[in-house]
Amino acid sequence: MDKWTVVYYISPSGDNPVQDFLDQYPHVDAKATRILFNIKEYGLNSVIPHLKKLSGTQLWEITILGQDNARILYVARKEKQILVLHAFIKKTNKTPSKEIKIALDRLKEVLD
């Protein structure tokens, strides 16, 4: 069985904003690391309870519940690869449009 690849968005200046976010929230990082490991090893189907499609976009959301509810936005770029674009603490029921815009802007940057 081929493994999946998880690629983090890297800014033009070389920053990794998703990893920087996870470093600020160790309890979120631990759960995110486990979910991303399962994706790499077993594919997206193995973490379906943690995934949600954001309607009207090509983005998907990884849900991390706990002390702080966090979300990681990503896209499936090609076969067996996801591109992790943005992570944030979610404080409302609906994913804020400004968070979606950040992820979409980063995706556009990668595709250009």
N, C-alpha and C. Protein backbone atom coordinates (compact mmCIF):
# COMPACT_ATOMS: atom_id res chain seq x y z
N MET A 1 0.84 -1.18 0.00
CA MET A 1 0.00 0.00 0.00
C MET A 1 0.88 1.24 0.00
N ASP A 2 0.67 2.13 -0.97
CA ASP A 2 1.43 3.37 -1.04
C ASP A 2 1.01 4.30 0.07
N LYS A 3 2.00 5.00 0.62
CA LYS A 3 1.71 5.94 1.69
C LYS A 3 1.34 7.30 1.12
N TRP A 4 0.64 8.07 1.91
CA TRP A 4 0.27 9.43 1.56
C TRP A 4 1.41 10.37 1.95
N THR A 5 1.43 11.53 1.33
CA THR A 5 2.40 12.56 1.66
C THR A 5 1.65 13.77 2.20
N VAL A 6 2.15 14.34 3.27
CA VAL A 6 1.59 15.57 3.84
C VAL A 6 2.63 16.65 3.64
N VAL A 7 2.24 17.71 2.90
CA VAL A 7 3.14 18.81 2.59
C VAL A 7 2.61 20.06 3.29
N TYR A 8 3.49 20.77 3.98
CA TYR A 8 3.10 22.01 4.64
C TYR A 8 3.36 23.19 3.72
N TYR A 9 2.44 24.16 3.73
CA TYR A 9 2.66 25.41 3.01
C TYR A 9 3.88 26.11 3.62
N ILE A 10 4.77 26.57 2.75
CA ILE A 10 5.93 27.36 3.16
C ILE A 10 5.81 28.72 2.47
N SER A 11 5.90 29.78 3.26
CA SER A 11 5.75 31.14 2.71
C SER A 11 6.96 31.48 1.85
N PRO A 12 6.84 32.53 1.02
CA PRO A 12 7.99 32.95 0.19
C PRO A 12 9.22 33.30 1.03
N SER A 13 9.00 33.73 2.27
CA SER A 13 10.14 34.06 3.13
C SER A 13 10.70 32.83 3.86
N GLY A 14 10.10 31.66 3.63
CA GLY A 14 10.60 30.42 4.23
C GLY A 14 9.92 30.03 5.52
N ASP A 15 8.91 30.78 5.94
CA ASP A 15 8.20 30.45 7.17
C ASP A 15 7.23 29.30 6.94
N ASN A 16 6.99 28.53 8.01
CA ASN A 16 6.02 27.45 7.98
C ASN A 16 4.93 27.81 8.99
N PRO A 17 3.91 28.60 8.57
CA PRO A 17 2.93 29.11 9.53
C PRO A 17 2.11 28.03 10.24
N VAL A 18 1.85 26.92 9.58
CA VAL A 18 1.08 25.87 10.24
C VAL A 18 1.91 25.24 11.36
N GLN A 19 3.16 24.94 11.09
CA GLN A 19 4.02 24.37 12.13
C GLN A 19 4.23 25.37 13.26
N ASP A 20 4.38 26.65 12.91
CA ASP A 20 4.52 27.70 13.94
C ASP A 20 3.29 27.72 14.84
N PHE A 21 2.10 27.61 14.25
CA PHE A 21 0.86 27.56 15.02
C PHE A 21 0.87 26.34 15.95
N LEU A 22 1.19 25.18 15.41
CA LEU A 22 1.17 23.96 16.21
C LEU A 22 2.18 24.03 17.36
N ASP A 23 3.31 24.68 17.11
CA ASP A 23 4.32 24.83 18.17
C ASP A 23 3.79 25.66 19.34
N GLN A 24 2.85 26.56 19.08
CA GLN A 24 2.26 27.41 20.13
C GLN A 24 1.24 26.66 20.98
N TYR A 25 0.69 25.58 20.43
CA TYR A 25 -0.37 24.82 21.11
C TYR A 25 0.03 23.34 21.16
N PRO A 26 0.85 22.96 22.15
CA PRO A 26 1.36 21.57 22.20
C PRO A 26 0.27 20.51 22.24
N HIS A 27 -0.85 20.76 22.93
CA HIS A 27 -1.93 19.77 22.99
C HIS A 27 -2.62 19.62 21.63
N VAL A 28 -2.72 20.71 20.86
CA VAL A 28 -3.25 20.63 19.51
C VAL A 28 -2.24 19.92 18.61
N ASP A 29 -0.96 20.25 18.80
CA ASP A 29 0.11 19.63 18.00
C ASP A 29 0.09 18.12 18.16
N ALA A 30 -0.08 17.63 19.37
CA ALA A 30 -0.07 16.18 19.61
C ALA A 30 -1.21 15.51 18.85
N LYS A 31 -2.40 16.09 18.90
CA LYS A 31 -3.53 15.50 18.19
C LYS A 31 -3.37 15.63 16.68
N ALA A 32 -2.89 16.79 16.23
CA ALA A 32 -2.67 16.99 14.79
C ALA A 32 -1.62 16.02 14.26
N THR A 33 -0.56 15.83 15.02
CA THR A 33 0.50 14.91 14.61
C THR A 33 -0.05 13.50 14.45
N ARG A 34 -0.92 13.08 15.38
CA ARG A 34 -1.51 11.74 15.30
C ARG A 34 -2.41 11.62 14.07
N ILE A 35 -3.24 12.63 13.82
CA ILE A 35 -4.13 12.59 12.66
C ILE A 35 -3.33 12.59 11.36
N LEU A 36 -2.33 13.46 11.27
CA LEU A 36 -1.51 13.53 10.05
C LEU A 36 -0.71 12.25 9.85
N PHE A 37 -0.26 11.64 10.94
CA PHE A 37 0.43 10.35 10.83
C PHE A 37 -0.51 9.29 10.25
N ASN A 38 -1.74 9.26 10.75
CA ASN A 38 -2.71 8.28 10.23
C ASN A 38 -3.01 8.51 8.76
N ILE A 39 -3.08 9.79 8.35
CA ILE A 39 -3.27 10.08 6.93
C ILE A 39 -2.11 9.53 6.12
N LYS A 40 -0.88 9.77 6.59
CA LYS A 40 0.31 9.30 5.86
C LYS A 40 0.31 7.78 5.75
N GLU A 41 -0.02 7.11 6.82
CA GLU A 41 0.06 5.65 6.86
C GLU A 41 -1.12 4.95 6.20
N TYR A 42 -2.33 5.48 6.44
CA TYR A 42 -3.54 4.73 6.07
C TYR A 42 -4.48 5.49 5.13
N GLY A 43 -4.18 6.75 4.82
CA GLY A 43 -5.01 7.52 3.90
C GLY A 43 -6.09 8.32 4.61
N LEU A 44 -6.77 9.13 3.83
CA LEU A 44 -7.80 10.02 4.37
C LEU A 44 -8.98 9.27 4.98
N ASN A 45 -9.31 8.10 4.44
CA ASN A 45 -10.45 7.34 4.97
C ASN A 45 -10.27 6.96 6.43
N SER A 46 -9.01 6.87 6.88
CA SER A 46 -8.75 6.47 8.25
C SER A 46 -9.09 7.55 9.27
N VAL A 47 -9.28 8.79 8.80
CA VAL A 47 -9.55 9.89 9.73
C VAL A 47 -10.85 10.63 9.39
N ILE A 48 -11.74 9.94 8.70
CA ILE A 48 -13.00 10.56 8.26
C ILE A 48 -13.74 11.30 9.39
N PRO A 49 -13.79 10.77 10.61
CA PRO A 49 -14.51 11.53 11.65
C PRO A 49 -13.93 12.92 11.91
N HIS A 50 -12.68 13.14 11.54
CA HIS A 50 -12.02 14.42 11.78
C HIS A 50 -12.05 15.34 10.57
N LEU A 51 -12.65 14.93 9.46
CA LEU A 51 -12.62 15.70 8.22
C LEU A 51 -13.97 16.30 7.89
N LYS A 52 -13.92 17.48 7.27
CA LYS A 52 -15.16 18.13 6.82
C LYS A 52 -14.83 18.96 5.59
N LYS A 53 -15.66 18.84 4.57
CA LYS A 53 -15.51 19.65 3.35
C LYS A 53 -16.09 21.03 3.63
N LEU A 54 -15.36 22.06 3.24
CA LEU A 54 -15.88 23.43 3.37
C LEU A 54 -16.64 23.75 2.09
N SER A 55 -17.94 23.87 2.20
CA SER A 55 -18.77 24.05 1.01
C SER A 55 -18.41 25.33 0.28
N GLY A 56 -18.47 25.24 -1.04
CA GLY A 56 -18.18 26.38 -1.89
C GLY A 56 -16.70 26.62 -2.13
N THR A 57 -15.85 25.74 -1.59
CA THR A 57 -14.40 25.88 -1.79
C THR A 57 -13.84 24.49 -2.10
N GLN A 58 -12.56 24.47 -2.45
CA GLN A 58 -11.89 23.19 -2.61
C GLN A 58 -11.18 22.77 -1.34
N LEU A 59 -11.41 23.51 -0.26
CA LEU A 59 -10.74 23.25 1.01
C LEU A 59 -11.46 22.19 1.83
N TRP A 60 -10.65 21.48 2.60
CA TRP A 60 -11.15 20.54 3.60
C TRP A 60 -10.61 21.00 4.94
N GLU A 61 -11.28 20.56 6.00
CA GLU A 61 -10.94 20.99 7.35
C GLU A 61 -10.69 19.75 8.20
N ILE A 62 -9.57 19.75 8.92
CA ILE A 62 -9.31 18.73 9.93
C ILE A 62 -9.76 19.32 11.26
N THR A 63 -10.64 18.64 11.94
CA THR A 63 -11.19 19.10 13.21
C THR A 63 -10.39 18.51 14.36
N ILE A 64 -9.93 19.38 15.25
CA ILE A 64 -9.21 18.94 16.44
C ILE A 64 -9.95 19.50 17.65
N LEU A 65 -10.52 18.61 18.43
CA LEU A 65 -11.30 19.01 19.60
C LEU A 65 -10.46 18.84 20.85
N GLY A 66 -10.77 19.65 21.86
CA GLY A 66 -10.05 19.54 23.12
C GLY A 66 -10.09 20.84 23.87
N GLN A 67 -9.06 21.09 24.66
CA GLN A 67 -8.95 22.31 25.45
C GLN A 67 -9.17 23.54 24.56
N ASP A 68 -8.53 23.55 23.41
CA ASP A 68 -8.78 24.55 22.38
C ASP A 68 -9.24 23.79 21.14
N ASN A 69 -10.36 24.21 20.56
CA ASN A 69 -10.81 23.59 19.32
C ASN A 69 -10.06 24.24 18.17
N ALA A 70 -9.35 23.43 17.42
CA ALA A 70 -8.53 23.95 16.33
C ALA A 70 -8.98 23.35 15.01
N ARG A 71 -8.63 24.02 13.94
CA ARG A 71 -8.90 23.53 12.60
C ARG A 71 -7.64 23.68 11.76
N ILE A 72 -7.44 22.71 10.89
CA ILE A 72 -6.34 22.76 9.93
C ILE A 72 -6.99 22.66 8.55
N LEU A 73 -6.74 23.65 7.71
CA LEU A 73 -7.32 23.66 6.37
C LEU A 73 -6.30 23.11 5.38
N TYR A 74 -6.79 22.26 4.47
CA TYR A 74 -5.90 21.62 3.50
C TYR A 74 -6.64 21.35 2.20
N VAL A 75 -5.88 20.99 1.18
CA VAL A 75 -6.44 20.51 -0.09
C VAL A 75 -5.70 19.23 -0.46
N ALA A 76 -6.39 18.38 -1.20
CA ALA A 76 -5.74 17.21 -1.80
C ALA A 76 -5.22 17.69 -3.15
N ARG A 77 -3.90 17.71 -3.32
CA ARG A 77 -3.30 18.29 -4.52
C ARG A 77 -3.21 17.31 -5.66
N LYS A 78 -2.75 16.16 -5.38
CA LYS A 78 -2.64 15.12 -6.40
C LYS A 78 -2.81 13.80 -5.68
N GLU A 79 -2.71 12.75 -6.42
CA GLU A 79 -2.96 11.45 -5.82
C GLU A 79 -2.08 11.21 -4.60
N LYS A 80 -2.74 10.94 -3.50
CA LYS A 80 -2.09 10.59 -2.23
C LYS A 80 -1.18 11.68 -1.68
N GLN A 81 -1.59 12.94 -1.87
CA GLN A 81 -0.86 14.05 -1.28
C GLN A 81 -1.84 15.12 -0.81
N ILE A 82 -1.63 15.61 0.42
CA ILE A 82 -2.40 16.76 0.87
C ILE A 82 -1.44 17.91 1.14
N LEU A 83 -1.95 19.13 0.91
CA LEU A 83 -1.20 20.35 1.17
C LEU A 83 -1.89 21.06 2.33
N VAL A 84 -1.20 21.14 3.46
CA VAL A 84 -1.72 21.78 4.65
C VAL A 84 -1.44 23.28 4.53
N LEU A 85 -2.51 24.08 4.54
CA LEU A 85 -2.38 25.50 4.23
C LEU A 85 -2.47 26.43 5.44
N HIS A 86 -3.31 26.11 6.40
CA HIS A 86 -3.58 27.08 7.47
C HIS A 86 -4.12 26.34 8.69
N ALA A 87 -3.81 26.87 9.86
CA ALA A 87 -4.34 26.32 11.12
C ALA A 87 -4.73 27.47 12.03
N PHE A 88 -5.78 27.26 12.80
CA PHE A 88 -6.26 28.32 13.69
C PHE A 88 -7.12 27.72 14.79
N ILE A 89 -7.30 28.51 15.86
CA ILE A 89 -8.21 28.13 16.94
C ILE A 89 -9.60 28.58 16.51
N LYS A 90 -10.55 27.67 16.57
CA LYS A 90 -11.92 27.97 16.14
C LYS A 90 -12.76 28.32 17.36
N LYS A 91 -13.33 29.51 17.33
CA LYS A 91 -14.12 29.99 18.47
C LYS A 91 -15.60 30.11 18.17
N THR A 92 -15.99 29.95 16.92
CA THR A 92 -17.40 30.06 16.53
C THR A 92 -17.83 28.78 15.85
N ASN A 93 -19.14 28.61 15.67
CA ASN A 93 -19.65 27.42 15.00
C ASN A 93 -19.24 27.37 13.54
N LYS A 94 -19.26 28.50 12.89
CA LYS A 94 -18.94 28.56 11.46
C LYS A 94 -17.47 28.93 11.28
N THR A 95 -16.84 28.33 10.28
CA THR A 95 -15.45 28.67 10.00
C THR A 95 -15.40 30.11 9.48
N PRO A 96 -14.66 30.99 10.16
CA PRO A 96 -14.62 32.39 9.75
C PRO A 96 -14.09 32.57 8.32
N SER A 97 -14.73 33.47 7.58
CA SER A 97 -14.33 33.69 6.19
C SER A 97 -12.90 34.21 6.09
N LYS A 98 -12.42 34.94 7.09
CA LYS A 98 -11.04 35.43 7.02
C LYS A 98 -10.04 34.27 7.08
N GLU A 99 -10.38 33.21 7.81
CA GLU A 99 -9.50 32.03 7.89
C GLU A 99 -9.51 31.28 6.56
N ILE A 100 -10.68 31.18 5.95
CA ILE A 100 -10.79 30.53 4.63
C ILE A 100 -10.00 31.32 3.60
N LYS A 101 -10.09 32.65 3.67
CA LYS A 101 -9.38 33.51 2.72
C LYS A 101 -7.87 33.32 2.84
N ILE A 102 -7.36 33.21 4.05
CA ILE A 102 -5.92 32.98 4.24
C ILE A 102 -5.50 31.70 3.53
N ALA A 103 -6.26 30.62 3.74
CA ALA A 103 -5.93 29.34 3.11
C ALA A 103 -6.02 29.43 1.59
N LEU A 104 -7.07 30.08 1.09
CA LEU A 104 -7.22 30.20 -0.37
C LEU A 104 -6.12 31.07 -0.99
N ASP A 105 -5.72 32.13 -0.29
CA ASP A 105 -4.62 32.97 -0.78
C ASP A 105 -3.32 32.18 -0.84
N ARG A 106 -3.08 31.36 0.16
CA ARG A 106 -1.87 30.52 0.17
C ARG A 106 -1.91 29.49 -0.94
N LEU A 107 -3.09 28.92 -1.17
CA LEU A 107 -3.23 27.94 -2.26
C LEU A 107 -2.95 28.61 -3.60
N LYS A 108 -3.50 29.79 -3.81
CA LYS A 108 -3.28 30.52 -5.06
C LYS A 108 -1.80 30.79 -5.26
N GLU A 109 -1.14 31.17 -4.19
CA GLU A 109 0.30 31.45 -4.24
C GLU A 109 1.08 30.20 -4.67
N VAL A 110 0.71 29.05 -4.12
CA VAL A 110 1.38 27.79 -4.46
C VAL A 110 1.14 27.42 -5.92
N LEU A 111 -0.08 27.67 -6.40
CA LEU A 111 -0.43 27.26 -7.77
C LEU A 111 0.13 28.22 -8.82
N ASP A 112 0.42 29.46 -8.45
CA ASP A 112 0.94 30.43 -9.41
C ASP A 112 2.40 30.17 -9.76
